Amino acid sequence: QETLEEVPLQQDFDVQKAEGHWITLQLAATHPGLVSPDDPLRLSLHSI
């Protein structure tokens, strides 16, 4: 399990430039049960 200090952070992030439609290409989790292919409900990101 990563510690927060180990996770990089882009400190010059400009929230205005991130606005708009996005698609999810890849997901990974510490516990794969967080997202189950058998779950009848699907969650997807549309935009930021």
All heavy atoms as atom14 arrays in JSON, in Angstrom:
{
  "sequence": "QETLEEVPLQQDFDVQKAEGHWITLQLAATHPGLVSPDDPLRLSLHSI",
  "atom14_mask": [
    [1, 1, 1, 1, 1, 1, 1, 1, 1, 0, 0, 0, 0, 0],
    [1, 1, 1, 1, 1, 1, 1, 1, 1, 0, 0, 0, 0, 0],
    [1, 1, 1, 1, 1, 1, 1, 0, 0, 0, 0, 0, 0, 0],
    [1, 1, 1, 1, 1, 1, 1, 1, 0, 0, 0, 0, 0, 0],
    [1, 1, 1, 1, 1, 1, 1, 1, 1, 0, 0, 0, 0, 0],
    [1, 1, 1, 1, 1, 1, 1, 1, 1, 0, 0, 0, 0, 0],
    [1, 1, 1, 1, 1, 1, 1, 0, 0, 0, 0, 0, 0, 0],
    [1, 1, 1, 1, 1, 1, 1, 0, 0, 0, 0, 0, 0, 0],
    [1, 1, 1, 1, 1, 1, 1, 1, 0, 0, 0, 0, 0, 0],
    [1, 1, 1, 1, 1, 1, 1, 1, 1, 0, 0, 0, 0, 0],
    [1, 1, 1, 1, 1, 1, 1, 1, 1, 0, 0, 0, 0, 0],
    [1, 1, 1, 1, 1, 1, 1, 1, 0, 0, 0, 0, 0, 0],
    [1, 1, 1, 1, 1, 1, 1, 1, 1, 1, 1, 0, 0, 0],
    [1, 1, 1, 1, 1, 1, 1, 1, 0, 0, 0, 0, 0, 0],
    [1, 1, 1, 1, 1, 1, 1, 0, 0, 0, 0, 0, 0, 0],
    [1, 1, 1, 1, 1, 1, 1, 1, 1, 0, 0, 0, 0, 0],
    [1, 1, 1, 1, 1, 1, 1, 1, 1, 0, 0, 0, 0, 0],
    [1, 1, 1, 1, 1, 0, 0, 0, 0, 0, 0, 0, 0, 0],
    [1, 1, 1, 1, 1, 1, 1, 1, 1, 0, 0, 0, 0, 0],
    [1, 1, 1, 1, 0, 0, 0, 0, 0, 0, 0, 0, 0, 0],
    [1, 1, 1, 1, 1, 1, 1, 1, 1, 1, 0, 0, 0, 0],
    [1, 1, 1, 1, 1, 1, 1, 1, 1, 1, 1, 1, 1, 1],
    [1, 1, 1, 1, 1, 1, 1, 1, 0, 0, 0, 0, 0, 0],
    [1, 1, 1, 1, 1, 1, 1, 0, 0, 0, 0, 0, 0, 0],
    [1, 1, 1, 1, 1, 1, 1, 1, 0, 0, 0, 0, 0, 0],
    [1, 1, 1, 1, 1, 1, 1, 1, 1, 0, 0, 0, 0, 0],
    [1, 1, 1, 1, 1, 1, 1, 1, 0, 0, 0, 0, 0, 0],
    [1, 1, 1, 1, 1, 0, 0, 0, 0, 0, 0, 0, 0, 0],
    [1, 1, 1, 1, 1, 0, 0, 0, 0, 0, 0, 0, 0, 0],
    [1, 1, 1, 1, 1, 1, 1, 0, 0, 0, 0, 0, 0, 0],
    [1, 1, 1, 1, 1, 1, 1, 1, 1, 1, 0, 0, 0, 0],
    [1, 1, 1, 1, 1, 1, 1, 0, 0, 0, 0, 0, 0, 0],
    [1, 1, 1, 1, 0, 0, 0, 0, 0, 0, 0, 0, 0, 0],
    [1, 1, 1, 1, 1, 1, 1, 1, 0, 0, 0, 0, 0, 0],
    [1, 1, 1, 1, 1, 1, 1, 0, 0, 0, 0, 0, 0, 0],
    [1, 1, 1, 1, 1, 1, 0, 0, 0, 0, 0, 0, 0, 0],
    [1, 1, 1, 1, 1, 1, 1, 0, 0, 0, 0, 0, 0, 0],
    [1, 1, 1, 1, 1, 1, 1, 1, 0, 0, 0, 0, 0, 0],
    [1, 1, 1, 1, 1, 1, 1, 1, 0, 0, 0, 0, 0, 0],
    [1, 1, 1, 1, 1, 1, 1, 0, 0, 0, 0, 0, 0, 0],
    [1, 1, 1, 1, 1, 1, 1, 1, 0, 0, 0, 0, 0, 0],
    [1, 1, 1, 1, 1, 1, 1, 1, 1, 1, 1, 0, 0, 0],
    [1, 1, 1, 1, 1, 1, 1, 1, 0, 0, 0, 0, 0, 0],
    [1, 1, 1, 1, 1, 1, 0, 0, 0, 0, 0, 0, 0, 0],
    [1, 1, 1, 1, 1, 1, 1, 1, 0, 0, 0, 0, 0, 0],
    [1, 1, 1, 1, 1, 1, 1, 1, 1, 1, 0, 0, 0, 0],
    [1, 1, 1, 1, 1, 1, 0, 0, 0, 0, 0, 0, 0, 0],
    [1, 1, 1, 1, 1, 1, 1, 1, 0, 0, 0, 0, 0, 0]
  ],
  "atom14_positions": [
    [[0.86, -1.19, 0.0], [0.0, 0.0, 0.0], [0.89, 1.23, 0.0], [1.71, 1.41, 0.88], [-0.9, -0.03, 1.24], [-1.73, 1.22, 1.42], [-2.93, 1.25, 0.5], [-3.37, 0.25, -0.01], [-3.45, 2.43, 0.28], [0.0, 0.0, 0.0], [0.0, 0.0, 0.0], [0.0, 0.0, 0.0], [0.0, 0.0, 0.0], [0.0, 0.0, 0.0]],
    [[0.73, 2.09, -0.99], [1.58, 3.27, -1.07], [1.23, 4.28, 0.02], [0.09, 4.35, 0.46], [1.44, 3.94, -2.44], [0.13, 4.65, -2.69], [-0.99, 3.76, -3.19], [-0.75, 2.57, -3.45], [-2.11, 4.25, -3.31], [0.0, 0.0, 0.0], [0.0, 0.0, 0.0], [0.0, 0.0, 0.0], [0.0, 0.0, 0.0], [0.0, 0.0, 0.0]],
    [[2.25, 4.99, 0.45], [1.98, 6.11, 1.36], [1.77, 7.33, 0.49], [2.24, 7.4, -0.65], [3.15, 6.36, 2.32], [4.29, 6.77, 1.57], [3.47, 5.11, 3.15], [0.0, 0.0, 0.0], [0.0, 0.0, 0.0], [0.0, 0.0, 0.0], [0.0, 0.0, 0.0], [0.0, 0.0, 0.0], [0.0, 0.0, 0.0], [0.0, 0.0, 0.0]],
    [[1.08, 8.3, 1.03], [0.77, 9.5, 0.26], [2.04, 10.22, -0.2], [2.09, 10.78, -1.28], [-0.11, 10.43, 1.08], [-1.01, 11.35, 0.3], [-1.79, 10.63, -0.77], [-1.95, 12.09, 1.22], [0.0, 0.0, 0.0], [0.0, 0.0, 0.0], [0.0, 0.0, 0.0], [0.0, 0.0, 0.0], [0.0, 0.0, 0.0], [0.0, 0.0, 0.0]],
    [[3.09, 10.17, 0.63], [4.34, 10.82, 0.27], [5.0, 10.18, -0.95], [5.77, 10.81, -1.65], [5.32, 10.79, 1.45], [4.88, 11.65, 2.63], [3.77, 11.01, 3.47], [3.64, 9.77, 3.5], [3.0, 11.78, 4.07], [0.0, 0.0, 0.0], [0.0, 0.0, 0.0], [0.0, 0.0, 0.0], [0.0, 0.0, 0.0], [0.0, 0.0, 0.0]],
    [[4.7, 8.9, -1.2], [5.27, 8.2, -2.35], [4.56, 8.53, -3.66], [5.09, 8.27, -4.73], [5.19, 6.68, -2.14], [6.06, 6.17, -1.02], [5.85, 4.69, -0.81], [4.74, 4.29, -0.42], [6.8, 3.94, -1.05], [0.0, 0.0, 0.0], [0.0, 0.0, 0.0], [0.0, 0.0, 0.0], [0.0, 0.0, 0.0], [0.0, 0.0, 0.0]],
    [[3.35, 9.07, -3.57], [2.56, 9.35, -4.76], [2.96, 10.72, -5.31], [2.85, 11.72, -4.61], [1.05, 9.32, -4.43], [0.23, 9.69, -5.66], [0.64, 7.95, -3.91], [0.0, 0.0, 0.0], [0.0, 0.0, 0.0], [0.0, 0.0, 0.0], [0.0, 0.0, 0.0], [0.0, 0.0, 0.0], [0.0, 0.0, 0.0], [0.0, 0.0, 0.0]],
    [[3.43, 10.77, -6.56], [3.83, 12.06, -7.14], [2.65, 13.04, -7.2], [1.49, 12.65, -7.2], [4.29, 11.69, -8.54], [4.57, 10.24, -8.49], [3.64, 9.66, -7.47], [0.0, 0.0, 0.0], [0.0, 0.0, 0.0], [0.0, 0.0, 0.0], [0.0, 0.0, 0.0], [0.0, 0.0, 0.0], [0.0, 0.0, 0.0], [0.0, 0.0, 0.0]],
    [[2.99, 14.31, -7.28], [1.99, 15.38, -7.33], [2.47, 16.44, -8.3], [3.58, 16.95, -8.17], [1.81, 15.99, -5.93], [0.85, 17.16, -5.79], [-0.58, 16.72, -6.09], [0.92, 17.74, -4.39], [0.0, 0.0, 0.0], [0.0, 0.0, 0.0], [0.0, 0.0, 0.0], [0.0, 0.0, 0.0], [0.0, 0.0, 0.0], [0.0, 0.0, 0.0]],
    [[1.64, 16.74, -9.3], [1.98, 17.8, -10.24], [1.52, 19.13, -9.65], [0.36, 19.49, -9.73], [1.33, 17.56, -11.6], [1.74, 18.62, -12.61], [1.35, 18.27, -14.03], [1.35, 17.1, -14.4], [1.04, 19.28, -14.82], [0.0, 0.0, 0.0], [0.0, 0.0, 0.0], [0.0, 0.0, 0.0], [0.0, 0.0, 0.0], [0.0, 0.0, 0.0]],
    [[2.46, 19.85, -9.06], [2.11, 21.06, -8.33], [1.82, 22.25, -9.21], [1.28, 23.25, -8.74], [3.2, 21.38, -7.3], [3.23, 20.33, -6.22], [4.13, 20.7, -5.07], [4.58, 21.82, -4.95], [4.39, 19.74, -4.21], [0.0, 0.0, 0.0], [0.0, 0.0, 0.0], [0.0, 0.0, 0.0], [0.0, 0.0, 0.0], [0.0, 0.0, 0.0]],
    [[2.13, 22.18, -10.51], [1.78, 23.28, -11.4], [0.48, 23.0, -12.15], [0.2, 23.58, -13.19], [2.92, 23.58, -12.37], [3.2, 22.43, -13.34], [2.7, 21.29, -13.11], [3.91, 22.65, -14.33], [0.0, 0.0, 0.0], [0.0, 0.0, 0.0], [0.0, 0.0, 0.0], [0.0, 0.0, 0.0], [0.0, 0.0, 0.0], [0.0, 0.0, 0.0]],
    [[-0.34, 22.12, -11.58], [-1.61, 21.74, -12.2], [-2.52, 22.96, -12.35], [-2.71, 23.73, -11.41], [-2.3, 20.67, -11.34], [-3.67, 20.29, -11.82], [-3.85, 19.66, -13.04], [-4.8, 20.56, -11.06], [-5.11, 19.3, -13.48], [-6.06, 20.22, -11.48], [-6.21, 19.57, -12.7], [0.0, 0.0, 0.0], [0.0, 0.0, 0.0], [0.0, 0.0, 0.0]],
    [[-3.07, 23.13, -13.55], [-3.99, 24.23, -13.84], [-5.38, 23.64, -14.06], [-5.65, 23.05, -15.11], [-3.52, 24.99, -15.08], [-4.38, 26.2, -15.42], [-5.51, 26.31, -14.9], [-3.92, 27.02, -16.24], [0.0, 0.0, 0.0], [0.0, 0.0, 0.0], [0.0, 0.0, 0.0], [0.0, 0.0, 0.0], [0.0, 0.0, 0.0], [0.0, 0.0, 0.0]],
    [[-6.24, 23.8, -13.08], [-7.57, 23.18, -13.11], [-8.37, 23.65, -14.33], [-9.15, 22.87, -14.89], [-8.32, 23.44, -11.78], [-8.65, 24.89, -11.59], [-9.58, 22.59, -11.7], [0.0, 0.0, 0.0], [0.0, 0.0, 0.0], [0.0, 0.0, 0.0], [0.0, 0.0, 0.0], [0.0, 0.0, 0.0], [0.0, 0.0, 0.0], [0.0, 0.0, 0.0]],
    [[-8.18, 24.87, -14.76], [-8.92, 25.38, -15.93], [-8.59, 24.59, -17.19], [-9.46, 24.33, -18.02], [-8.61, 26.86, -16.15], [-8.88, 27.76, -14.96], [-10.33, 27.82, -14.55], [-11.22, 27.69, -15.37], [-10.57, 28.01, -13.27], [0.0, 0.0, 0.0], [0.0, 0.0, 0.0], [0.0, 0.0, 0.0], [0.0, 0.0, 0.0], [0.0, 0.0, 0.0]],
    [[-7.33, 24.18, -17.35], [-6.92, 23.42, -18.53], [-7.44, 21.99, -18.52], [-7.46, 21.32, -19.55], [-5.39, 23.41, -18.65], [-4.79, 24.74, -18.99], [-3.28, 24.61, -19.11], [-2.61, 25.91, -19.43], [-1.14, 25.76, -19.49], [0.0, 0.0, 0.0], [0.0, 0.0, 0.0], [0.0, 0.0, 0.0], [0.0, 0.0, 0.0], [0.0, 0.0, 0.0]],
    [[-7.84, 21.51, -17.34], [-8.32, 20.13, -17.22], [-9.82, 20.02, -17.5], [-10.36, 18.92, -17.55], [-8.02, 19.57, -15.84], [0.0, 0.0, 0.0], [0.0, 0.0, 0.0], [0.0, 0.0, 0.0], [0.0, 0.0, 0.0], [0.0, 0.0, 0.0], [0.0, 0.0, 0.0], [0.0, 0.0, 0.0], [0.0, 0.0, 0.0], [0.0, 0.0, 0.0]],
    [[-10.48, 21.15, -17.68], [-11.93, 21.11, -17.91], [-12.26, 20.43, -19.23], [-11.5, 20.52, -20.19], [-12.51, 22.53, -17.92], [-12.56, 23.15, -16.55], [-13.34, 24.45, -16.55], [-12.98, 25.36, -17.32], [-14.31, 24.53, -15.79], [0.0, 0.0, 0.0], [0.0, 0.0, 0.0], [0.0, 0.0, 0.0], [0.0, 0.0, 0.0], [0.0, 0.0, 0.0]],
    [[-13.39, 19.74, -19.24], [-13.89, 19.15, -20.47], [-14.12, 17.66, -20.35], [-14.07, 17.07, -19.27], [0.0, 0.0, 0.0], [0.0, 0.0, 0.0], [0.0, 0.0, 0.0], [0.0, 0.0, 0.0], [0.0, 0.0, 0.0], [0.0, 0.0, 0.0], [0.0, 0.0, 0.0], [0.0, 0.0, 0.0], [0.0, 0.0, 0.0], [0.0, 0.0, 0.0]],
    [[-14.41, 17.06, -21.5], [-14.73, 15.64, -21.58], [-13.47, 14.79, -21.46], [-12.44, 15.11, -22.04], [-15.44, 15.35, -22.91], [-15.81, 13.92, -23.09], [-16.82, 13.33, -22.36], [-15.3, 12.95, -23.88], [-16.92, 12.05, -22.72], [-16.01, 11.81, -23.64], [0.0, 0.0, 0.0], [0.0, 0.0, 0.0], [0.0, 0.0, 0.0], [0.0, 0.0, 0.0]],
    [[-13.57, 13.69, -20.71], [-12.47, 12.73, -20.55], [-13.04, 11.32, -20.69], [-14.19, 11.07, -20.35], [-11.84, 12.86, -19.16], [-11.07, 14.12, -18.96], [-11.55, 15.29, -18.43], [-9.71, 14.37, -19.28], [-10.55, 16.23, -18.41], [-9.41, 15.7, -18.92], [-8.7, 13.59, -19.85], [-8.15, 16.26, -19.1], [-7.44, 14.15, -20.02], [-7.18, 15.47, -19.65]],
    [[-12.2, 10.41, -21.16], [-12.55, 8.99, -21.15], [-11.52, 8.26, -20.29], [-10.38, 8.7, -20.15], [-12.61, 8.37, -22.56], [-11.28, 8.55, -23.3], [-13.75, 8.95, -23.36], [-11.2, 7.79, -24.61], [0.0, 0.0, 0.0], [0.0, 0.0, 0.0], [0.0, 0.0, 0.0], [0.0, 0.0, 0.0], [0.0, 0.0, 0.0], [0.0, 0.0, 0.0]],
    [[-11.95, 7.18, -19.69], [-11.06, 6.38, -18.85], [-10.39, 5.33, -19.72], [-11.06, 4.54, -20.37], [-11.87, 5.71, -17.72], [-12.57, 6.72, -17.0], [-10.95, 4.95, -16.78], [0.0, 0.0, 0.0], [0.0, 0.0, 0.0], [0.0, 0.0, 0.0], [0.0, 0.0, 0.0], [0.0, 0.0, 0.0], [0.0, 0.0, 0.0], [0.0, 0.0, 0.0]],
    [[-9.05, 5.34, -19.71], [-8.3, 4.35, -20.47], [-7.9, 3.15, -19.62], [-7.93, 2.01, -20.08], [-7.03, 4.97, -21.06], [-7.22, 6.08, -22.08], [-5.87, 6.59, -22.56], [-8.06, 5.6, -23.26], [0.0, 0.0, 0.0], [0.0, 0.0, 0.0], [0.0, 0.0, 0.0], [0.0, 0.0, 0.0], [0.0, 0.0, 0.0], [0.0, 0.0, 0.0]],
    [[-7.48, 3.41, -18.38], [-7.0, 2.35, -17.5], [-7.38, 2.68, -16.06], [-7.37, 3.85, -15.66], [-5.47, 2.23, -17.56], [-4.92, 1.82, -18.91], [-5.03, 0.33, -19.15], [-4.8, -0.47, -18.26], [-5.37, -0.04, -20.36], [0.0, 0.0, 0.0], [0.0, 0.0, 0.0], [0.0, 0.0, 0.0], [0.0, 0.0, 0.0], [0.0, 0.0, 0.0]],
    [[-7.67, 1.65, -15.28], [-7.89, 1.77, -13.84], [-7.1, 0.66, -13.15], [-7.0, -0.46, -13.67], [-9.36, 1.59, -13.47], [-10.34, 2.69, -13.81], [-11.76, 2.26, -13.43], [-9.99, 3.98, -13.1], [0.0, 0.0, 0.0], [0.0, 0.0, 0.0], [0.0, 0.0, 0.0], [0.0, 0.0, 0.0], [0.0, 0.0, 0.0], [0.0, 0.0, 0.0]],
    [[-6.58, 0.97, -11.98], [-5.93, -0.05, -11.14], [-6.23, 0.31, -9.69], [-6.43, 1.48, -9.36], [-4.43, -0.09, -11.39], [0.0, 0.0, 0.0], [0.0, 0.0, 0.0], [0.0, 0.0, 0.0], [0.0, 0.0, 0.0], [0.0, 0.0, 0.0], [0.0, 0.0, 0.0], [0.0, 0.0, 0.0], [0.0, 0.0, 0.0], [0.0, 0.0, 0.0]],
    [[-6.26, -0.71, -8.85], [-6.64, -0.49, -7.46], [-5.79, -1.33, -6.52], [-5.24, -2.36, -6.91], [-8.12, -0.82, -7.26], [0.0, 0.0, 0.0], [0.0, 0.0, 0.0], [0.0, 0.0, 0.0], [0.0, 0.0, 0.0], [0.0, 0.0, 0.0], [0.0, 0.0, 0.0], [0.0, 0.0, 0.0], [0.0, 0.0, 0.0], [0.0, 0.0, 0.0]],
    [[-5.71, -0.87, -5.27], [-5.04, -1.67, -4.26], [-5.85, -2.9, -3.93], [-5.3, -3.94, -3.57], [-4.81, -0.84, -2.98], [-6.04, -0.25, -2.58], [-3.77, 0.24, -3.2], [0.0, 0.0, 0.0], [0.0, 0.0, 0.0], [0.0, 0.0, 0.0], [0.0, 0.0, 0.0], [0.0, 0.0, 0.0], [0.0, 0.0, 0.0], [0.0, 0.0, 0.0]],
    [[-7.16, -2.79, -4.03], [-8.06, -3.92, -3.79], [-8.97, -4.04, -5.01], [-9.86, -3.21, -5.2], [-8.89, -3.71, -2.53], [-8.05, -3.51, -1.3], [-7.2, -4.47, -0.81], [-7.9, -2.45, -0.48], [-6.58, -4.02, 0.25], [-6.98, -2.79, 0.48], [0.0, 0.0, 0.0], [0.0, 0.0, 0.0], [0.0, 0.0, 0.0], [0.0, 0.0, 0.0]],
    [[-8.78, -5.06, -5.85], [-9.54, -5.15, -7.1], [-11.04, -5.28, -6.9], [-11.81, -4.99, -7.8], [-8.97, -6.38, -7.79], [-8.27, -7.15, -6.72], [-7.85, -6.17, -5.67], [0.0, 0.0, 0.0], [0.0, 0.0, 0.0], [0.0, 0.0, 0.0], [0.0, 0.0, 0.0], [0.0, 0.0, 0.0], [0.0, 0.0, 0.0], [0.0, 0.0, 0.0]],
    [[-11.51, -5.65, -5.72], [-12.93, -5.77, -5.46], [-13.64, -4.43, -5.46], [-14.86, -4.37, -5.44], [0.0, 0.0, 0.0], [0.0, 0.0, 0.0], [0.0, 0.0, 0.0], [0.0, 0.0, 0.0], [0.0, 0.0, 0.0], [0.0, 0.0, 0.0], [0.0, 0.0, 0.0], [0.0, 0.0, 0.0], [0.0, 0.0, 0.0], [0.0, 0.0, 0.0]],
    [[-12.86, -3.32, -5.48], [-13.48, -1.99, -5.53], [-14.32, -1.81, -6.78], [-15.33, -1.12, -6.77], [-12.41, -0.9, -5.51], [-11.64, -0.69, -4.22], [-10.54, 0.34, -4.43], [-12.57, -0.23, -3.12], [0.0, 0.0, 0.0], [0.0, 0.0, 0.0], [0.0, 0.0, 0.0], [0.0, 0.0, 0.0], [0.0, 0.0, 0.0], [0.0, 0.0, 0.0]],
    [[-13.87, -2.42, -7.88], [-14.58, -2.31, -9.15], [-14.77, -3.72, -9.67], [-13.82, -4.38, -10.06], [-13.78, -1.47, -10.18], [-14.55, -1.34, -11.47], [-13.45, -0.1, -9.6], [0.0, 0.0, 0.0], [0.0, 0.0, 0.0], [0.0, 0.0, 0.0], [0.0, 0.0, 0.0], [0.0, 0.0, 0.0], [0.0, 0.0, 0.0], [0.0, 0.0, 0.0]],
    [[-15.99, -4.2, -9.65], [-16.28, -5.58, -10.03], [-16.96, -5.63, -11.4], [-17.92, -4.9, -11.64], [-17.18, -6.22, -8.98], [-17.64, -7.47, -9.44], [0.0, 0.0, 0.0], [0.0, 0.0, 0.0], [0.0, 0.0, 0.0], [0.0, 0.0, 0.0], [0.0, 0.0, 0.0], [0.0, 0.0, 0.0], [0.0, 0.0, 0.0], [0.0, 0.0, 0.0]],
    [[-16.49, -6.51, -12.29], [-17.17, -6.66, -13.58], [-18.56, -7.25, -13.44], [-19.38, -7.15, -14.34], [-16.25, -7.6, -14.37], [-15.43, -8.3, -13.34], [-15.34, -7.39, -12.15], [0.0, 0.0, 0.0], [0.0, 0.0, 0.0], [0.0, 0.0, 0.0], [0.0, 0.0, 0.0], [0.0, 0.0, 0.0], [0.0, 0.0, 0.0], [0.0, 0.0, 0.0]],
    [[-18.86, -7.87, -12.29], [-20.17, -8.48, -12.06], [-21.18, -7.51, -11.47], [-22.36, -7.84, -11.35], [-20.03, -9.68, -11.13], [-19.11, -10.75, -11.71], [-19.12, -10.91, -12.95], [-18.37, -11.38, -10.94], [0.0, 0.0, 0.0], [0.0, 0.0, 0.0], [0.0, 0.0, 0.0], [0.0, 0.0, 0.0], [0.0, 0.0, 0.0], [0.0, 0.0, 0.0]],
    [[-20.73, -6.32, -11.09], [-21.63, -5.34, -10.49], [-22.6, -4.84, -11.57], [-22.17, -4.42, -12.64], [-20.83, -4.17, -9.93], [-21.64, -3.28, -9.01], [-22.87, -3.21, -9.18], [-21.04, -2.63, -8.15], [0.0, 0.0, 0.0], [0.0, 0.0, 0.0], [0.0, 0.0, 0.0], [0.0, 0.0, 0.0], [0.0, 0.0, 0.0], [0.0, 0.0, 0.0]],
    [[-23.92, -4.89, -11.31], [-24.87, -4.45, -12.33], [-24.85, -2.93, -12.54], [-25.3, -2.45, -13.57], [-26.23, -4.89, -11.78], [-26.02, -5.02, -10.31], [-24.58, -5.4, -10.12], [0.0, 0.0, 0.0], [0.0, 0.0, 0.0], [0.0, 0.0, 0.0], [0.0, 0.0, 0.0], [0.0, 0.0, 0.0], [0.0, 0.0, 0.0], [0.0, 0.0, 0.0]],
    [[-24.31, -2.19, -11.6], [-24.2, -0.73, -11.77], [-22.82, -0.39, -12.32], [-21.81, -0.93, -11.89], [-24.42, -0.02, -10.45], [-25.81, -0.12, -9.86], [-25.86, 0.57, -8.5], [-26.84, 0.5, -10.79], [0.0, 0.0, 0.0], [0.0, 0.0, 0.0], [0.0, 0.0, 0.0], [0.0, 0.0, 0.0], [0.0, 0.0, 0.0], [0.0, 0.0, 0.0]],
    [[-22.78, 0.5, -13.27], [-21.53, 0.93, -13.88], [-21.33, 2.4, -13.61], [-22.24, 3.21, -13.8], [-21.56, 0.71, -15.4], [-21.85, -0.71, -15.81], [-20.6, -1.55, -15.64], [-20.79, -2.85, -16.25], [-20.75, -3.98, -15.57], [-20.55, -3.96, -14.28], [-20.92, -5.12, -16.17], [0.0, 0.0, 0.0], [0.0, 0.0, 0.0], [0.0, 0.0, 0.0]],
    [[-20.14, 2.77, -13.21], [-19.8, 4.16, -12.95], [-18.79, 4.59, -13.99], [-17.79, 3.92, -14.21], [-19.2, 4.3, -11.54], [-18.78, 5.69, -11.12], [-20.0, 6.59, -11.0], [-18.05, 5.61, -9.79], [0.0, 0.0, 0.0], [0.0, 0.0, 0.0], [0.0, 0.0, 0.0], [0.0, 0.0, 0.0], [0.0, 0.0, 0.0], [0.0, 0.0, 0.0]],
    [[-19.07, 5.69, -14.67], [-18.12, 6.18, -15.66], [-17.97, 7.69, -15.53], [-18.91, 8.4, -15.17], [-18.56, 5.81, -17.08], [-19.75, 6.48, -17.44], [0.0, 0.0, 0.0], [0.0, 0.0, 0.0], [0.0, 0.0, 0.0], [0.0, 0.0, 0.0], [0.0, 0.0, 0.0], [0.0, 0.0, 0.0], [0.0, 0.0, 0.0], [0.0, 0.0, 0.0]],
    [[-16.78, 8.15, -15.81], [-16.49, 9.58, -15.8], [-16.9, 10.17, -17.13], [-16.59, 9.62, -18.19], [-15.0, 9.8, -15.56], [-14.53, 11.25, -15.67], [-15.07, 12.09, -14.53], [-13.02, 11.31, -15.71], [0.0, 0.0, 0.0], [0.0, 0.0, 0.0], [0.0, 0.0, 0.0], [0.0, 0.0, 0.0], [0.0, 0.0, 0.0], [0.0, 0.0, 0.0]],
    [[-17.58, 11.29, -17.09], [-17.92, 12.0, -18.31], [-17.02, 13.21, -18.5], [-16.4, 13.38, -19.55], [-19.38, 12.45, -18.32], [-19.74, 13.23, -19.53], [-19.67, 14.61, -19.57], [-20.14, 12.84, -20.75], [-20.01, 15.02, -20.78], [-20.31, 13.96, -21.51], [0.0, 0.0, 0.0], [0.0, 0.0, 0.0], [0.0, 0.0, 0.0], [0.0, 0.0, 0.0]],
    [[-16.93, 14.06, -17.48], [-16.17, 15.29, -17.66], [-15.71, 15.85, -16.32], [-16.16, 15.42, -15.26], [-17.01, 16.33, -18.4], [-18.2, 16.59, -17.7], [0.0, 0.0, 0.0], [0.0, 0.0, 0.0], [0.0, 0.0, 0.0], [0.0, 0.0, 0.0], [0.0, 0.0, 0.0], [0.0, 0.0, 0.0], [0.0, 0.0, 0.0], [0.0, 0.0, 0.0]],
    [[-14.82, 16.81, -16.43], [-14.29, 17.54, -15.27], [-14.51, 19.01, -15.53], [-14.33, 19.49, -16.65], [-12.78, 17.27, -15.09], [-12.52, 15.78, -14.83], [-12.2, 18.13, -13.97], [-11.05, 15.41, -14.81], [0.0, 0.0, 0.0], [0.0, 0.0, 0.0], [0.0, 0.0, 0.0], [0.0, 0.0, 0.0], [0.0, 0.0, 0.0], [0.0, 0.0, 0.0]]
  ]
}
